[in-house]
Amino acid sequence: MGQDFVSDVETFRQTSAIRLNGYDSRVWEDQTGRKGLTAAIDDKGTIAGIRILPHTPHPETDDAYSKTVFDFPFEGEWLVFWGGHNILLNYHYEFEPVRYAYDFLKERNGYSYEGDPKRNESYFAFDQDVLAPAEGVVAAAVDGSPDNKPVGQVDETRPAGNMVAILHRNGEMWGITEYEKN
């Protein structure tokens, strides 16, 4: 399988490297930007995970930008853990309504949590304020969705969870997804 996958690959270049929660995670892409691989290696040098996969770029939207200028929706230093223009860097990418979503987390000493990683309260980003990223009017809001328990388990009936949609003066809307439109 691996030989077939790389038969037309001239070279791979590393596009991401992050050390977090005891893992060294790296991403490489081929010269076309249509194939890549990811690997996560633990502190003992054991490969904890590896993925090789083709991916389809979406140039019609990858190079499109909003008219609204956004600030980060939080204060202080945060880390972009998932975010980018392909599935190797951003697991959201294959789902159009959230294709360019970013997952931010707080990191201290190479970890995003302290204590039990199955508890929301262990994560440094948990219960932090979320700010409006740009001026506008609240057009929709969902509140009252319980926090995912255990961590990582998603309520499939409400995958977006609690949210706020902001309508900006230029007519662009931030925060609403196809899940809420339906």
N, C-alpha and C. Protein backbone atom coordinates (compact mmCIF):
# COMPACT_ATOMS: atom_id res chain seq x y z
N MET A 1 0.83 -1.19 0.00
CA MET A 1 0.00 0.00 0.00
C MET A 1 0.88 1.26 0.00
N GLY A 2 1.91 1.26 0.85
CA GLY A 2 2.79 2.41 0.93
C GLY A 2 3.54 2.66 -0.36
N GLN A 3 4.03 1.58 -1.00
CA GLN A 3 4.77 1.74 -2.25
C GLN A 3 3.88 2.31 -3.34
N ASP A 4 2.63 1.85 -3.41
CA ASP A 4 1.70 2.37 -4.40
C ASP A 4 1.41 3.85 -4.14
N PHE A 5 1.25 4.19 -2.88
CA PHE A 5 0.94 5.57 -2.50
C PHE A 5 2.05 6.53 -2.92
N VAL A 6 3.30 6.13 -2.77
CA VAL A 6 4.42 7.04 -3.07
C VAL A 6 5.00 6.84 -4.47
N SER A 7 4.39 6.02 -5.31
CA SER A 7 4.97 5.71 -6.63
C SER A 7 5.20 6.95 -7.49
N ASP A 8 4.35 7.97 -7.37
CA ASP A 8 4.52 9.18 -8.17
C ASP A 8 5.01 10.37 -7.35
N VAL A 9 5.46 10.12 -6.14
CA VAL A 9 5.95 11.19 -5.28
C VAL A 9 7.44 11.39 -5.49
N GLU A 10 7.82 12.62 -5.82
CA GLU A 10 9.23 12.95 -5.99
C GLU A 10 9.88 13.27 -4.65
N THR A 11 9.13 13.97 -3.81
CA THR A 11 9.68 14.39 -2.53
C THR A 11 8.54 14.75 -1.57
N PHE A 12 8.83 14.67 -0.30
CA PHE A 12 7.92 15.16 0.74
C PHE A 12 8.61 16.33 1.43
N ARG A 13 7.83 17.32 1.82
CA ARG A 13 8.38 18.41 2.63
C ARG A 13 7.55 18.53 3.90
N GLN A 14 8.23 18.79 4.99
CA GLN A 14 7.54 18.91 6.27
C GLN A 14 6.78 20.23 6.30
N THR A 15 5.50 20.18 6.65
CA THR A 15 4.68 21.39 6.70
C THR A 15 4.24 21.73 8.12
N SER A 16 4.44 20.82 9.07
CA SER A 16 4.04 21.11 10.44
C SER A 16 4.80 20.22 11.40
N ALA A 17 5.12 20.78 12.56
CA ALA A 17 5.73 20.02 13.65
C ALA A 17 5.25 20.63 14.95
N ILE A 18 4.71 19.82 15.82
CA ILE A 18 4.23 20.31 17.10
C ILE A 18 4.51 19.27 18.17
N ARG A 19 4.93 19.73 19.31
CA ARG A 19 5.17 18.86 20.45
C ARG A 19 4.14 19.23 21.51
N LEU A 20 3.24 18.29 21.83
CA LEU A 20 2.17 18.58 22.77
C LEU A 20 1.68 17.31 23.43
N ASN A 21 1.44 17.39 24.72
CA ASN A 21 0.86 16.29 25.50
C ASN A 21 1.65 14.99 25.39
N GLY A 22 2.98 15.11 25.32
CA GLY A 22 3.83 13.94 25.30
C GLY A 22 4.05 13.34 23.92
N TYR A 23 3.61 14.02 22.87
CA TYR A 23 3.76 13.51 21.51
C TYR A 23 4.45 14.54 20.63
N ASP A 24 5.27 14.04 19.72
CA ASP A 24 5.89 14.84 18.68
C ASP A 24 5.10 14.51 17.41
N SER A 25 4.30 15.46 16.93
CA SER A 25 3.44 15.22 15.76
C SER A 25 3.97 16.02 14.58
N ARG A 26 4.06 15.35 13.44
CA ARG A 26 4.60 15.99 12.24
C ARG A 26 3.73 15.67 11.03
N VAL A 27 3.76 16.60 10.07
CA VAL A 27 3.00 16.46 8.82
C VAL A 27 3.94 16.73 7.67
N TRP A 28 3.87 15.88 6.64
CA TRP A 28 4.63 16.06 5.41
C TRP A 28 3.67 16.01 4.22
N GLU A 29 3.95 16.82 3.19
CA GLU A 29 3.16 16.82 1.95
C GLU A 29 4.07 16.56 0.76
N ASP A 30 3.48 15.97 -0.30
CA ASP A 30 4.26 15.75 -1.51
C ASP A 30 4.34 17.04 -2.32
N GLN A 31 5.06 16.99 -3.43
CA GLN A 31 5.30 18.17 -4.25
C GLN A 31 4.02 18.73 -4.88
N THR A 32 2.97 17.92 -5.00
CA THR A 32 1.73 18.40 -5.61
C THR A 32 0.77 18.99 -4.58
N GLY A 33 1.01 18.72 -3.30
CA GLY A 33 0.09 19.16 -2.27
C GLY A 33 -1.17 18.32 -2.22
N ARG A 34 -1.15 17.15 -2.86
CA ARG A 34 -2.33 16.29 -2.89
C ARG A 34 -2.17 14.98 -2.12
N LYS A 35 -0.98 14.74 -1.61
CA LYS A 35 -0.72 13.54 -0.80
C LYS A 35 0.10 13.94 0.40
N GLY A 36 -0.11 13.22 1.47
CA GLY A 36 0.69 13.53 2.64
C GLY A 36 0.66 12.43 3.66
N LEU A 37 1.42 12.65 4.71
CA LEU A 37 1.42 11.70 5.81
C LEU A 37 1.62 12.45 7.11
N THR A 38 1.07 11.87 8.17
CA THR A 38 1.22 12.41 9.51
C THR A 38 1.74 11.30 10.40
N ALA A 39 2.49 11.68 11.41
CA ALA A 39 2.98 10.71 12.37
C ALA A 39 3.01 11.36 13.74
N ALA A 40 2.67 10.58 14.75
CA ALA A 40 2.77 11.01 16.14
C ALA A 40 3.67 10.01 16.86
N ILE A 41 4.68 10.53 17.52
CA ILE A 41 5.67 9.69 18.20
C ILE A 41 5.70 10.08 19.67
N ASP A 42 5.61 9.07 20.54
CA ASP A 42 5.57 9.36 21.98
C ASP A 42 6.98 9.62 22.52
N ASP A 43 7.05 9.93 23.81
CA ASP A 43 8.33 10.27 24.45
C ASP A 43 9.34 9.14 24.43
N LYS A 44 8.88 7.89 24.22
CA LYS A 44 9.78 6.74 24.19
C LYS A 44 10.26 6.43 22.78
N GLY A 45 9.80 7.22 21.78
CA GLY A 45 10.20 6.99 20.40
C GLY A 45 9.31 6.00 19.67
N THR A 46 8.20 5.61 20.29
CA THR A 46 7.26 4.68 19.67
C THR A 46 6.27 5.44 18.80
N ILE A 47 6.03 4.94 17.60
CA ILE A 47 5.02 5.55 16.72
C ILE A 47 3.65 5.26 17.32
N ALA A 48 2.97 6.32 17.75
CA ALA A 48 1.64 6.18 18.35
C ALA A 48 0.56 6.23 17.27
N GLY A 49 0.85 6.81 16.14
CA GLY A 49 -0.11 6.88 15.06
C GLY A 49 0.55 7.35 13.79
N ILE A 50 0.07 6.85 12.68
CA ILE A 50 0.58 7.27 11.37
C ILE A 50 -0.58 7.19 10.39
N ARG A 51 -0.67 8.19 9.54
CA ARG A 51 -1.70 8.22 8.50
C ARG A 51 -1.05 8.63 7.19
N ILE A 52 -1.37 7.92 6.12
CA ILE A 52 -0.99 8.37 4.79
C ILE A 52 -2.29 8.52 4.03
N LEU A 53 -2.46 9.65 3.36
CA LEU A 53 -3.71 9.85 2.67
C LEU A 53 -3.59 10.89 1.56
N PRO A 54 -4.38 10.67 0.54
CA PRO A 54 -4.51 11.71 -0.48
C PRO A 54 -5.48 12.77 0.05
N HIS A 55 -5.37 13.98 -0.44
CA HIS A 55 -6.36 14.99 -0.06
C HIS A 55 -6.64 15.89 -1.24
N THR A 56 -7.86 16.37 -1.28
CA THR A 56 -8.32 17.19 -2.38
C THR A 56 -8.35 18.64 -1.95
N PRO A 57 -7.56 19.49 -2.59
CA PRO A 57 -7.62 20.92 -2.27
C PRO A 57 -8.91 21.54 -2.81
N HIS A 58 -9.28 22.65 -2.26
CA HIS A 58 -10.45 23.40 -2.72
C HIS A 58 -10.01 24.83 -3.03
N PRO A 59 -9.31 25.02 -4.17
CA PRO A 59 -8.74 26.33 -4.48
C PRO A 59 -9.78 27.43 -4.63
N GLU A 60 -11.01 27.05 -4.98
CA GLU A 60 -12.06 28.06 -5.15
C GLU A 60 -12.38 28.76 -3.83
N THR A 61 -12.15 28.10 -2.71
CA THR A 61 -12.38 28.74 -1.42
C THR A 61 -11.09 28.91 -0.61
N ASP A 62 -10.06 28.13 -0.91
CA ASP A 62 -8.81 28.25 -0.16
C ASP A 62 -8.21 29.64 -0.29
N ASP A 63 -8.43 30.28 -1.42
CA ASP A 63 -7.86 31.61 -1.65
C ASP A 63 -8.87 32.73 -1.48
N ALA A 64 -10.04 32.42 -0.92
CA ALA A 64 -11.07 33.44 -0.68
C ALA A 64 -10.96 33.93 0.76
N TYR A 65 -11.16 35.20 0.95
CA TYR A 65 -11.06 35.78 2.29
C TYR A 65 -12.29 36.62 2.57
N SER A 66 -12.63 36.74 3.84
CA SER A 66 -13.77 37.56 4.22
C SER A 66 -13.40 39.04 4.10
N LYS A 67 -14.43 39.86 4.01
CA LYS A 67 -14.22 41.31 4.01
C LYS A 67 -14.00 41.80 5.44
N THR A 68 -14.56 41.07 6.38
CA THR A 68 -14.45 41.44 7.79
C THR A 68 -13.05 41.12 8.30
N VAL A 69 -12.48 42.06 9.03
CA VAL A 69 -11.19 41.84 9.67
C VAL A 69 -11.46 41.37 11.09
N PHE A 70 -10.93 40.20 11.43
CA PHE A 70 -11.20 39.59 12.73
C PHE A 70 -10.02 39.71 13.67
N ASP A 71 -10.33 39.82 14.95
CA ASP A 71 -9.35 39.66 16.01
C ASP A 71 -9.52 38.26 16.56
N PHE A 72 -8.57 37.80 17.36
CA PHE A 72 -8.73 36.51 18.01
C PHE A 72 -9.87 36.61 19.03
N PRO A 73 -10.64 35.57 19.21
CA PRO A 73 -11.79 35.62 20.13
C PRO A 73 -11.42 35.30 21.58
N PHE A 74 -10.24 35.73 21.99
CA PHE A 74 -9.79 35.46 23.36
C PHE A 74 -8.63 36.40 23.66
N GLU A 75 -8.24 36.43 24.93
CA GLU A 75 -7.08 37.21 25.34
C GLU A 75 -5.94 36.27 25.69
N GLY A 76 -4.73 36.77 25.62
CA GLY A 76 -3.57 35.97 25.99
C GLY A 76 -3.07 35.11 24.84
N GLU A 77 -2.14 34.23 25.15
CA GLU A 77 -1.54 33.36 24.15
C GLU A 77 -2.28 32.03 24.07
N TRP A 78 -2.60 31.64 22.86
CA TRP A 78 -3.27 30.37 22.58
C TRP A 78 -2.52 29.70 21.44
N LEU A 79 -2.76 28.42 21.24
CA LEU A 79 -2.11 27.64 20.21
C LEU A 79 -3.15 27.14 19.21
N VAL A 80 -2.87 27.31 17.91
CA VAL A 80 -3.72 26.70 16.89
C VAL A 80 -3.30 25.25 16.78
N PHE A 81 -4.19 24.35 17.16
CA PHE A 81 -3.87 22.94 17.10
C PHE A 81 -4.34 22.33 15.78
N TRP A 82 -5.54 22.64 15.36
CA TRP A 82 -6.05 22.23 14.06
C TRP A 82 -6.39 23.51 13.31
N GLY A 83 -5.89 23.66 12.09
CA GLY A 83 -6.21 24.81 11.27
C GLY A 83 -5.30 24.84 10.06
N GLY A 84 -5.86 24.99 8.89
CA GLY A 84 -5.05 25.04 7.68
C GLY A 84 -5.86 24.67 6.47
N HIS A 85 -5.19 24.62 5.33
CA HIS A 85 -5.85 24.42 4.04
C HIS A 85 -5.75 22.99 3.51
N ASN A 86 -5.73 22.01 4.40
CA ASN A 86 -5.85 20.62 3.97
C ASN A 86 -6.18 19.74 5.17
N ILE A 87 -6.60 18.53 4.88
CA ILE A 87 -7.05 17.62 5.93
C ILE A 87 -5.92 17.16 6.85
N LEU A 88 -4.68 17.24 6.37
CA LEU A 88 -3.55 16.85 7.21
C LEU A 88 -3.31 17.83 8.34
N LEU A 89 -3.59 19.10 8.10
CA LEU A 89 -3.39 20.14 9.10
C LEU A 89 -4.67 20.51 9.83
N ASN A 90 -5.81 20.14 9.26
CA ASN A 90 -7.09 20.58 9.80
C ASN A 90 -8.16 19.53 9.51
N TYR A 91 -8.51 18.74 10.52
CA TYR A 91 -9.49 17.68 10.29
C TYR A 91 -10.85 18.21 9.89
N HIS A 92 -11.13 19.49 10.12
CA HIS A 92 -12.39 20.10 9.70
C HIS A 92 -12.47 20.24 8.18
N TYR A 93 -11.34 20.26 7.52
CA TYR A 93 -11.23 20.68 6.12
C TYR A 93 -12.16 19.91 5.17
N GLU A 94 -12.40 18.64 5.41
CA GLU A 94 -13.22 17.87 4.47
C GLU A 94 -14.71 18.18 4.59
N PHE A 95 -15.12 18.93 5.62
CA PHE A 95 -16.53 19.26 5.83
C PHE A 95 -16.76 20.73 5.52
N GLU A 96 -17.38 21.02 4.38
CA GLU A 96 -17.48 22.39 3.88
C GLU A 96 -17.98 23.42 4.90
N PRO A 97 -19.02 23.14 5.67
CA PRO A 97 -19.51 24.18 6.59
C PRO A 97 -18.49 24.64 7.63
N VAL A 98 -17.53 23.78 7.94
CA VAL A 98 -16.52 24.13 8.95
C VAL A 98 -15.11 24.00 8.40
N ARG A 99 -14.98 24.05 7.08
CA ARG A 99 -13.70 23.80 6.41
C ARG A 99 -12.54 24.61 6.97
N TYR A 100 -12.77 25.84 7.31
CA TYR A 100 -11.67 26.70 7.76
C TYR A 100 -11.74 26.99 9.26
N ALA A 101 -12.40 26.11 9.99
CA ALA A 101 -12.47 26.26 11.44
C ALA A 101 -11.08 26.05 12.04
N TYR A 102 -10.84 26.67 13.15
CA TYR A 102 -9.61 26.51 13.90
C TYR A 102 -9.93 25.96 15.27
N ASP A 103 -9.10 25.08 15.76
CA ASP A 103 -9.20 24.63 17.14
C ASP A 103 -8.04 25.26 17.90
N PHE A 104 -8.39 26.09 18.88
CA PHE A 104 -7.39 26.77 19.70
C PHE A 104 -7.31 26.08 21.06
N LEU A 105 -6.11 26.03 21.62
CA LEU A 105 -5.97 25.56 22.99
C LEU A 105 -4.88 26.32 23.69
N LYS A 106 -4.90 26.23 24.99
CA LYS A 106 -3.87 26.86 25.79
C LYS A 106 -2.85 25.78 26.16
N GLU A 107 -1.59 26.19 26.16
CA GLU A 107 -0.51 25.23 26.41
C GLU A 107 0.38 25.78 27.51
N ARG A 108 0.78 24.89 28.40
CA ARG A 108 1.77 25.22 29.44
C ARG A 108 2.75 24.07 29.54
N ASN A 109 4.02 24.39 29.40
CA ASN A 109 5.08 23.38 29.53
C ASN A 109 4.85 22.16 28.64
N GLY A 110 4.35 22.39 27.43
CA GLY A 110 4.18 21.30 26.47
C GLY A 110 2.90 20.49 26.63
N TYR A 111 2.00 20.94 27.51
CA TYR A 111 0.74 20.22 27.73
C TYR A 111 -0.44 21.18 27.64
N SER A 112 -1.58 20.66 27.19
CA SER A 112 -2.80 21.46 27.12
C SER A 112 -3.69 21.21 28.33
N TYR A 113 -3.25 20.37 29.23
CA TYR A 113 -4.03 20.04 30.42
C TYR A 113 -3.10 19.71 31.57
N GLU A 114 -3.70 19.66 32.75
CA GLU A 114 -2.99 19.20 33.94
C GLU A 114 -3.97 18.35 34.73
N GLY A 115 -3.57 17.14 35.07
CA GLY A 115 -4.47 16.25 35.80
C GLY A 115 -5.07 15.21 34.88
N ASP A 116 -6.32 14.89 35.09
CA ASP A 116 -7.02 13.84 34.36
C ASP A 116 -7.45 14.34 32.98
N PRO A 117 -6.88 13.81 31.88
CA PRO A 117 -7.23 14.30 30.54
C PRO A 117 -8.66 13.96 30.11
N LYS A 118 -9.38 13.18 30.89
CA LYS A 118 -10.78 12.86 30.56
C LYS A 118 -11.75 13.88 31.14
N ARG A 119 -11.24 14.82 31.94
CA ARG A 119 -12.09 15.83 32.57
C ARG A 119 -11.90 17.18 31.88
N ASN A 120 -13.00 17.80 31.48
CA ASN A 120 -12.94 19.12 30.85
C ASN A 120 -12.17 20.12 31.69
N GLU A 121 -12.39 20.08 33.00
CA GLU A 121 -11.78 21.04 33.92
C GLU A 121 -10.26 20.95 33.97
N SER A 122 -9.70 19.86 33.47
CA SER A 122 -8.24 19.69 33.46
C SER A 122 -7.57 20.52 32.37
N TYR A 123 -8.32 20.97 31.39
CA TYR A 123 -7.75 21.68 30.24
C TYR A 123 -7.66 23.17 30.52
N PHE A 124 -6.51 23.76 30.19
CA PHE A 124 -6.27 25.17 30.46
C PHE A 124 -7.22 26.08 29.70
N ALA A 125 -7.77 25.64 28.57
CA ALA A 125 -8.70 26.45 27.79
C ALA A 125 -10.13 26.38 28.33
N PHE A 126 -10.41 25.42 29.18
CA PHE A 126 -11.77 25.23 29.68
C PHE A 126 -12.22 26.43 30.51
N ASP A 127 -13.44 26.87 30.27
CA ASP A 127 -14.10 27.93 31.03
C ASP A 127 -13.42 29.30 30.86
N GLN A 128 -12.71 29.48 29.75
CA GLN A 128 -12.11 30.77 29.45
C GLN A 128 -13.12 31.63 28.68
N ASP A 129 -12.99 32.93 28.80
CA ASP A 129 -13.89 33.85 28.09
C ASP A 129 -13.68 33.74 26.58
N VAL A 130 -14.78 33.83 25.85
CA VAL A 130 -14.74 33.91 24.39
C VAL A 130 -15.28 35.28 24.02
N LEU A 131 -14.54 36.02 23.21
CA LEU A 131 -14.86 37.39 22.87
C LEU A 131 -15.37 37.49 21.44
N ALA A 132 -16.11 38.55 21.15
CA ALA A 132 -16.53 38.81 19.78
C ALA A 132 -15.28 39.12 18.96
N PRO A 133 -15.09 38.45 17.82
CA PRO A 133 -13.88 38.68 17.02
C PRO A 133 -13.96 39.93 16.14
N ALA A 134 -15.17 40.52 16.02
CA ALA A 134 -15.35 41.74 15.23
C ALA A 134 -16.69 42.35 15.63
N GLU A 135 -16.82 43.64 15.35
CA GLU A 135 -18.05 44.35 15.69
C GLU A 135 -19.22 43.80 14.89
N GLY A 136 -20.38 43.76 15.51
CA GLY A 136 -21.58 43.30 14.83
C GLY A 136 -22.73 43.13 15.80
N VAL A 137 -23.78 42.50 15.33
CA VAL A 137 -24.99 42.27 16.11
C VAL A 137 -25.19 40.76 16.25
N VAL A 138 -25.54 40.33 17.44
CA VAL A 138 -25.81 38.90 17.64
C VAL A 138 -27.06 38.54 16.85
N ALA A 139 -26.91 37.64 15.89
CA ALA A 139 -28.01 37.23 15.02
C ALA A 139 -28.64 35.92 15.48
N ALA A 140 -27.88 35.10 16.17
CA ALA A 140 -28.38 33.81 16.66
C ALA A 140 -27.48 33.37 17.80
N ALA A 141 -28.06 32.61 18.72
CA ALA A 141 -27.27 32.08 19.82
C ALA A 141 -27.89 30.78 20.30
N VAL A 142 -27.04 29.86 20.69
CA VAL A 142 -27.47 28.59 21.29
C VAL A 142 -26.70 28.46 22.60
N ASP A 143 -27.44 28.26 23.67
CA ASP A 143 -26.83 28.10 24.99
C ASP A 143 -27.51 26.93 25.67
N GLY A 144 -26.85 26.32 26.60
CA GLY A 144 -27.46 25.24 27.36
C GLY A 144 -27.05 23.84 26.94
N SER A 145 -26.24 23.74 25.86
CA SER A 145 -25.74 22.41 25.51
C SER A 145 -24.74 22.00 26.58
N PRO A 146 -24.89 20.81 27.15
CA PRO A 146 -23.94 20.40 28.18
C PRO A 146 -22.55 20.18 27.59
N ASP A 147 -21.53 20.35 28.43
CA ASP A 147 -20.17 20.08 28.00
C ASP A 147 -20.04 18.60 27.65
N ASN A 148 -19.21 18.30 26.65
CA ASN A 148 -18.99 16.91 26.25
C ASN A 148 -18.31 16.15 27.37
N LYS A 149 -18.89 15.03 27.75
CA LYS A 149 -18.31 14.17 28.79
C LYS A 149 -18.46 12.74 28.34
N PRO A 150 -17.41 11.97 28.32
CA PRO A 150 -16.05 12.40 28.62
C PRO A 150 -15.50 13.27 27.50
N VAL A 151 -14.35 13.88 27.73
CA VAL A 151 -13.71 14.73 26.72
C VAL A 151 -13.60 13.93 25.42
N GLY A 152 -13.94 14.59 24.31
CA GLY A 152 -13.85 13.94 23.01
C GLY A 152 -15.14 13.33 22.52
N GLN A 153 -16.10 13.10 23.40
CA GLN A 153 -17.39 12.56 22.99
C GLN A 153 -18.26 13.72 22.54
N VAL A 154 -18.78 13.66 21.33
CA VAL A 154 -19.55 14.75 20.75
C VAL A 154 -21.03 14.39 20.73
N ASP A 155 -21.88 15.37 21.05
CA ASP A 155 -23.32 15.21 20.94
C ASP A 155 -23.67 15.30 19.45
N GLU A 156 -23.92 14.17 18.82
CA GLU A 156 -24.14 14.15 17.37
C GLU A 156 -25.44 14.84 16.97
N THR A 157 -26.37 15.04 17.89
CA THR A 157 -27.59 15.76 17.56
C THR A 157 -27.36 17.26 17.52
N ARG A 158 -26.28 17.72 18.14
CA ARG A 158 -25.91 19.14 18.17
C ARG A 158 -24.40 19.27 18.09
N PRO A 159 -23.80 18.91 16.96
CA PRO A 159 -22.33 18.86 16.89
C PRO A 159 -21.66 20.22 17.10
N ALA A 160 -22.35 21.32 16.79
CA ALA A 160 -21.75 22.64 16.98
C ALA A 160 -21.81 23.09 18.43
N GLY A 161 -22.65 22.45 19.24
CA GLY A 161 -22.74 22.82 20.65
C GLY A 161 -23.26 24.23 20.85
N ASN A 162 -22.82 24.87 21.91
CA ASN A 162 -23.19 26.25 22.18
C ASN A 162 -22.49 27.15 21.17
N MET A 163 -23.18 28.19 20.70
CA MET A 163 -22.59 29.05 19.68
C MET A 163 -23.24 30.42 19.68
N VAL A 164 -22.55 31.36 19.07
CA VAL A 164 -23.07 32.71 18.84
C VAL A 164 -22.76 33.05 17.39
N ALA A 165 -23.76 33.56 16.66
CA ALA A 165 -23.54 34.02 15.29
C ALA A 165 -23.63 35.54 15.29
N ILE A 166 -22.63 36.18 14.68
CA ILE A 166 -22.56 37.64 14.65
C ILE A 166 -22.73 38.12 13.22
N LEU A 167 -23.70 39.02 13.01
CA LEU A 167 -23.92 39.64 11.71
C LEU A 167 -23.13 40.95 11.68
N HIS A 168 -22.27 41.07 10.69
CA HIS A 168 -21.41 42.26 10.58
C HIS A 168 -22.04 43.27 9.64
N ARG A 169 -21.61 44.52 9.73
CA ARG A 169 -22.20 45.61 8.94
C ARG A 169 -22.18 45.33 7.44
N ASN A 170 -21.17 44.61 6.98
CA ASN A 170 -21.06 44.34 5.54
C ASN A 170 -21.91 43.14 5.10
N GLY A 171 -22.70 42.58 6.01
CA GLY A 171 -23.59 41.47 5.67
C GLY A 171 -23.00 40.09 5.91
N GLU A 172 -21.72 40.02 6.20
CA GLU A 172 -21.11 38.72 6.49
C GLU A 172 -21.53 38.25 7.88
N MET A 173 -21.68 36.95 7.99
CA MET A 173 -22.07 36.35 9.27
C MET A 173 -20.93 35.47 9.75
N TRP A 174 -20.57 35.59 11.01
CA TRP A 174 -19.54 34.78 11.64
C TRP A 174 -20.16 33.92 12.71
N GLY A 175 -19.81 32.64 12.72
CA GLY A 175 -20.19 31.77 13.83
C GLY A 175 -21.29 30.80 13.52
N ILE A 176 -22.07 31.01 12.48
CA ILE A 176 -23.17 30.09 12.19
C ILE A 176 -22.69 29.05 11.19
N THR A 177 -23.15 27.85 11.35
CA THR A 177 -22.77 26.77 10.45
C THR A 177 -24.01 26.18 9.82
N GLU A 178 -23.84 25.29 8.89
CA GLU A 178 -24.96 24.63 8.25
C GLU A 178 -25.80 23.86 9.27
N TYR A 179 -25.18 23.42 10.35
CA TYR A 179 -25.92 22.68 11.36
C TYR A 179 -27.04 23.53 11.96
N GLU A 180 -26.76 24.82 12.18
CA GLU A 180 -27.76 25.70 12.77
C GLU A 180 -28.76 26.20 11.75
N LYS A 181 -28.38 26.26 10.47
CA LYS A 181 -29.28 26.76 9.44
C LYS A 181 -30.42 25.78 9.18
N ASN A 182 -30.16 24.47 9.40
CA ASN A 182 -31.16 23.45 9.10
C ASN A 182 -32.18 23.30 10.21
